[in-house]
Protein backbone atom coordinates (compact mmCIF):
# COMPACT_ATOMS: atom_id res chain seq x y z
CA UNK A 1 19.24 8.43 24.11
CA UNK A 2 16.28 8.27 26.45
CA UNK A 3 14.14 5.14 26.11
CA UNK A 4 10.37 5.36 26.27
CA UNK A 5 9.54 5.29 29.99
CA UNK A 6 6.12 3.74 29.30
CA UNK A 7 7.63 0.42 28.22
CA UNK A 8 9.92 -1.00 30.91
CA UNK A 9 11.32 -4.51 30.55
CA UNK A 10 11.07 -4.74 26.77
CA UNK A 11 13.39 -7.24 25.10
CA UNK A 12 16.16 -5.80 22.95
CA UNK A 13 14.77 -4.38 19.68
CA UNK A 14 15.21 -6.24 16.44
CA UNK A 15 17.94 -4.52 14.37
CA UNK A 16 16.40 -2.14 11.86
CA UNK A 17 18.41 -0.62 9.02
CA UNK A 18 15.97 2.27 8.62
CA UNK A 19 15.31 5.03 11.14
CA UNK A 20 12.67 7.73 11.11
CA UNK A 21 13.57 10.92 12.97
CA UNK A 22 10.92 13.48 13.92
CA UNK A 23 12.26 16.82 15.08
CA UNK A 24 10.53 19.23 17.49
CA UNK A 25 7.06 17.75 17.02
CA UNK A 26 4.21 19.86 18.40
CA UNK A 27 1.17 17.61 18.12
CA UNK A 28 0.98 14.20 19.84
CA UNK A 29 -1.46 12.96 17.20
CA UNK A 30 1.15 13.42 14.49
CA UNK A 31 3.61 11.26 16.41
CA UNK A 32 1.04 8.48 16.70
CA UNK A 33 0.01 8.77 13.05
CA UNK A 34 3.66 8.72 11.98
CA UNK A 35 4.21 5.54 14.02
CA UNK A 36 1.24 3.97 12.24
CA UNK A 37 2.57 5.04 8.84
CA UNK A 38 5.93 3.45 9.63
CA UNK A 39 4.47 0.23 11.00
CA UNK A 40 2.29 -0.57 8.00
CA UNK A 41 5.44 -0.45 5.88
CA UNK A 42 7.37 -2.67 8.29
CA UNK A 43 9.58 -0.03 9.97
CA UNK A 44 9.89 0.30 13.74
CA UNK A 45 12.90 2.53 14.57
CA UNK A 46 11.52 5.92 15.62
CA UNK A 47 13.51 8.70 17.29
CA UNK A 48 12.07 12.01 18.46
CA UNK A 49 14.31 15.05 18.82
CA UNK A 50 13.22 17.46 21.57
CA UNK A 51 9.45 17.09 21.17
CA UNK A 52 7.23 19.79 22.65
CA UNK A 53 5.73 17.29 25.10
CA UNK A 54 8.21 15.16 27.02
CA UNK A 55 5.51 12.52 27.65
CA UNK A 56 4.32 12.44 24.04
CA UNK A 57 4.93 8.70 23.58
CA UNK A 58 2.40 7.81 26.26
CA UNK A 59 -0.25 10.44 25.61
CA UNK A 60 -3.81 9.35 24.87
CA UNK A 61 -3.93 11.18 21.53
CA UNK A 62 -0.64 9.63 20.45
CA UNK A 63 -1.83 6.11 21.24
CA UNK A 64 -5.18 6.68 19.56
CA UNK A 65 -3.63 7.93 16.33
CA UNK A 66 -1.09 5.08 16.34
CA UNK A 67 -4.05 2.73 15.79
CA UNK A 68 -2.31 -0.33 17.19
CA UNK A 69 1.28 0.53 16.24
CA UNK A 70 2.12 0.67 19.95
CA UNK A 71 5.24 -1.45 19.47
CA UNK A 72 6.78 1.43 17.52
CA UNK A 73 5.93 3.88 20.31
CA UNK A 74 7.16 1.46 22.97
CA UNK A 75 10.61 1.26 21.39
CA UNK A 76 10.83 4.91 20.36
CA UNK A 77 13.58 7.09 21.88
CA UNK A 78 13.64 10.73 22.80
CA UNK A 79 16.91 12.62 22.39
CA UNK A 80 18.01 16.21 22.63
CA UNK A 81 19.82 16.75 19.33
CA UNK A 82 19.87 15.53 15.76
CA UNK A 83 23.45 14.35 16.26
CA UNK A 84 22.22 11.91 18.91
CA UNK A 85 19.33 10.79 16.70
CA UNK A 86 21.73 9.97 13.86
CA UNK A 87 24.06 7.89 16.02
CA UNK A 88 24.80 4.68 14.10
CA UNK A 89 23.38 6.02 10.82
CA UNK A 90 25.66 6.39 7.79
CA UNK A 91 23.24 8.04 5.34
CA UNK A 92 20.71 10.69 6.35
CA UNK A 93 17.97 12.15 4.16
CA UNK A 94 16.37 15.46 5.10
CA UNK A 95 12.77 16.03 4.05
CA UNK A 96 13.26 19.78 3.70
CA UNK A 97 14.19 22.41 1.17
CA UNK A 98 17.91 22.74 0.46
CA UNK A 99 19.27 26.02 1.87
CA UNK A 100 19.85 28.61 -0.84
CA UNK A 101 23.56 29.19 -0.25
CA UNK A 102 24.75 25.55 -0.29
CA UNK A 103 23.76 22.14 0.97
CA UNK A 104 23.05 18.54 -0.05
CA UNK A 105 21.47 17.77 -3.43
CA UNK A 106 17.67 17.77 -3.68
CA UNK A 107 16.14 14.70 -5.31
CA UNK A 108 12.77 13.00 -5.62
CA UNK A 109 12.55 9.99 -3.28
CA UNK A 110 12.27 7.33 -6.01
CA UNK A 111 15.11 8.95 -7.94
CA UNK A 112 17.48 8.24 -5.04
CA UNK A 113 15.93 5.19 -3.42
CA UNK A 114 16.63 2.58 -6.08
CA UNK A 115 20.37 3.11 -5.84
CA UNK A 116 20.34 3.69 -2.09
CA UNK A 117 18.54 0.40 -1.45
CA UNK A 118 21.32 -1.49 -3.25
CA UNK A 119 24.02 0.14 -1.14
CA UNK A 120 22.96 -1.60 2.07
CA UNK A 121 23.49 1.42 4.33
CA UNK A 122 21.86 2.35 7.62
CA UNK A 123 19.49 5.09 6.51
CA UNK A 124 17.66 7.78 8.44
CA UNK A 125 14.81 9.95 7.18
CA UNK A 126 14.65 13.25 9.06
CA UNK A 127 11.42 15.26 9.28
CA UNK A 128 11.19 18.79 10.61
CA UNK A 129 8.63 20.05 13.09
CA UNK A 130 5.14 21.10 12.06
CA UNK A 131 5.71 24.79 12.69
CA UNK A 132 9.22 25.58 11.46
CA UNK A 133 10.52 22.54 9.57
CA UNK A 134 14.27 21.90 9.74
CA UNK A 135 16.96 24.43 10.57
CA UNK A 136 19.70 24.87 7.95
CA UNK A 137 22.35 23.48 10.31
CA UNK A 138 20.34 20.29 10.62
CA UNK A 139 19.92 20.01 6.86
CA UNK A 140 23.70 20.36 6.45
CA UNK A 141 24.17 17.16 8.48
CA UNK A 142 22.25 15.19 5.85
CA UNK A 143 23.51 13.59 2.65
CA UNK A 144 20.45 14.41 0.53
CA UNK A 145 17.25 16.42 0.62
CA UNK A 146 14.13 14.54 -0.45
CA UNK A 147 11.44 16.52 -2.23
CA UNK A 148 8.10 14.74 -2.66
CA UNK A 149 6.73 15.72 -6.09
CA UNK A 150 3.47 17.55 -5.44
CA UNK A 151 1.19 19.96 -7.25
CA UNK A 152 3.27 23.17 -7.54
CA UNK A 153 0.19 25.17 -6.57
CA UNK A 154 -0.30 23.26 -3.30
CA UNK A 155 2.52 21.25 -1.79
CA UNK A 156 1.50 21.20 1.87
CA UNK A 157 1.75 17.74 3.43
CA UNK A 158 0.90 16.85 7.01
CA UNK A 159 3.86 15.37 8.90
CA UNK A 160 2.37 11.88 9.09
CA UNK A 161 1.38 12.02 5.42
CA UNK A 162 4.96 12.82 4.47
CA UNK A 163 6.19 9.93 6.62
CA UNK A 164 3.75 7.59 4.87
CA UNK A 165 4.87 8.63 1.38
CA UNK A 166 8.56 8.22 2.22
CA UNK A 167 7.98 4.92 4.06
CA UNK A 168 6.01 3.52 1.12
CA UNK A 169 8.53 4.52 -1.54
CA UNK A 170 11.44 3.24 0.56
CA UNK A 171 9.70 -0.08 1.21
CA UNK A 172 9.06 -0.46 -2.52
CA UNK A 173 12.73 0.20 -3.23
CA UNK A 174 13.66 -2.49 -0.69
CA UNK A 175 11.43 -5.02 -2.43
CA UNK A 176 7.95 -4.32 -1.10
CA UNK A 177 5.41 -6.72 0.31
CA UNK A 178 3.41 -9.23 -1.68
CA UNK A 179 -0.27 -8.49 -2.17
CA UNK A 180 -2.33 -11.03 -0.22
CA UNK A 181 -5.36 -12.25 -2.20
CA UNK A 182 -8.66 -11.74 -0.38
CA UNK A 183 -10.68 -14.26 -2.41
CA UNK A 184 -10.02 -17.81 -3.55
CA UNK A 185 -8.73 -18.36 -7.07
CA UNK A 186 -11.76 -19.14 -9.28
CA UNK A 187 -12.14 -22.63 -10.73
CA UNK A 188 -12.36 -22.37 -14.50
CA UNK A 189 -14.87 -24.59 -16.29
CA UNK A 190 -13.39 -27.44 -18.30
CA UNK A 191 -14.08 -28.05 -22.01
CA UNK A 192 -16.94 -30.47 -21.39
CA UNK A 193 -18.75 -27.95 -19.16
CA UNK A 194 -18.35 -25.19 -21.76
CA UNK A 195 -19.67 -27.42 -24.53
CA UNK A 196 -22.63 -28.39 -22.34
CA UNK A 197 -23.33 -24.72 -21.78
CA UNK A 198 -23.20 -23.98 -25.52
CA UNK A 199 -25.54 -26.86 -26.32
CA UNK A 200 -27.98 -25.59 -23.72
CA UNK A 201 -27.81 -22.04 -25.11
CA UNK A 202 -28.26 -23.32 -28.65
CA UNK A 203 -31.53 -25.01 -27.64
CA UNK A 204 -32.71 -22.02 -25.60
CA UNK A 205 -32.01 -19.61 -28.48
CA UNK A 206 -33.99 -21.85 -30.76
CA UNK A 207 -36.86 -21.98 -28.25
CA UNK A 208 -37.15 -18.17 -28.10
CA UNK A 209 -36.88 -17.86 -31.89
CA UNK A 210 -33.49 -16.15 -31.95
CA UNK A 211 -31.63 -18.98 -33.70
CA UNK A 212 -32.88 -20.64 -36.87
CA UNK A 213 -31.62 -24.24 -36.75
CA UNK A 214 -31.86 -24.40 -40.56
CA UNK A 215 -29.47 -21.45 -40.93
CA UNK A 216 -27.34 -21.19 -37.78
CA UNK A 217 -24.50 -19.43 -39.65
CA UNK A 218 -21.56 -18.87 -37.25
CA UNK A 219 -23.44 -17.98 -34.10
CA UNK A 220 -22.36 -21.02 -32.06
CA UNK A 221 -18.67 -20.88 -33.07
CA UNK A 222 -18.65 -17.19 -32.11
CA UNK A 223 -20.24 -17.93 -28.75
CA UNK A 224 -17.64 -20.66 -28.27
CA UNK A 225 -14.86 -18.11 -28.91
CA UNK A 226 -16.53 -15.68 -26.51
CA UNK A 227 -16.59 -18.34 -23.77
CA UNK A 228 -12.94 -19.18 -24.42
CA UNK A 229 -11.85 -15.53 -24.21
CA UNK A 230 -13.86 -14.97 -21.05
CA UNK A 231 -12.39 -18.04 -19.36
CA UNK A 232 -15.73 -18.77 -17.70
CA UNK A 233 -15.70 -20.32 -14.25
CA UNK A 234 -17.73 -23.27 -13.01
CA UNK A 235 -20.05 -20.90 -11.15
CA UNK A 236 -20.53 -18.73 -14.25
CA UNK A 237 -21.48 -21.81 -16.28
CA UNK A 238 -24.18 -22.56 -13.70
CA UNK A 239 -25.45 -18.97 -13.89
CA UNK A 240 -25.55 -18.92 -17.70
CA UNK A 241 -27.32 -22.27 -17.83
CA UNK A 242 -29.84 -20.99 -15.31
CA UNK A 243 -30.51 -18.00 -17.58
CA UNK A 244 -30.99 -20.37 -20.53
CA UNK A 245 -33.46 -22.43 -18.48
CA UNK A 246 -35.43 -19.28 -17.56
CA UNK A 247 -35.53 -18.30 -21.24
CA UNK A 248 -36.94 -21.72 -22.18
CA UNK A 249 -39.62 -21.58 -19.50
CA UNK A 250 -40.62 -18.07 -20.54
CA UNK A 251 -41.00 -19.37 -24.11
CA UNK A 252 -43.23 -22.24 -22.93
CA UNK A 253 -40.71 -25.04 -23.46
CA UNK A 254 -39.48 -27.68 -21.07
CA UNK A 255 -35.85 -26.94 -20.16
CA UNK A 256 -33.12 -29.38 -20.94
CA UNK A 257 -34.86 -31.29 -23.75
CA UNK A 258 -33.21 -31.37 -27.16
CA UNK A 259 -35.63 -30.58 -30.00
CA UNK A 260 -35.22 -30.44 -33.75
């Protein structure tokens, strides 16, 4: 294997049980985009087999499309054959059509990934070049062919798009990443705040002539149930009380005063 010449002096890579192999790539941008697709799913082991451009890992277009996933490119290796790329791998998945005469079984990624993730094997996902895909002899080296379910009328995926789909499904099978909340958990209003809100709305509805205090029926209990179902927050209580105050002022009443 030939290490990336643009990254001398790197410390030894962290062991990675998943490898992505790109064969005979033509476009540097696809290599960079594939590195980005891998990195966002937490994978870093990238091997290129006989790319069109020997300096692809350091090209400007590659780095631009990697969008910061330069650690993947820095540790990537370039080799001459698929056999070299699969060194140390014990289960290889081709992302290609199964040859017509014979070959490995063709399965949807998720159909195979759940079981494969439990087996604890060193896995490689092999992607053919943009122009000609994978040769039959290379497919024969693999244990399975992965077929991404697409619209039968249009199944054309860009190389990096295919890498992203496979990387996502495989990461999900391995356990996935937790979703990080972007906003703070809202503080729900306590019972006293909700009852204060309802009392305020009761007065405001009376002030605008919507509620007859002599025949309230079940309006307030229903509003109470609505507030309970909604699980109103402290901020929402403030907003709703502000609306009630505006209603009272519009009706010519002083807000906040209880009247009979």
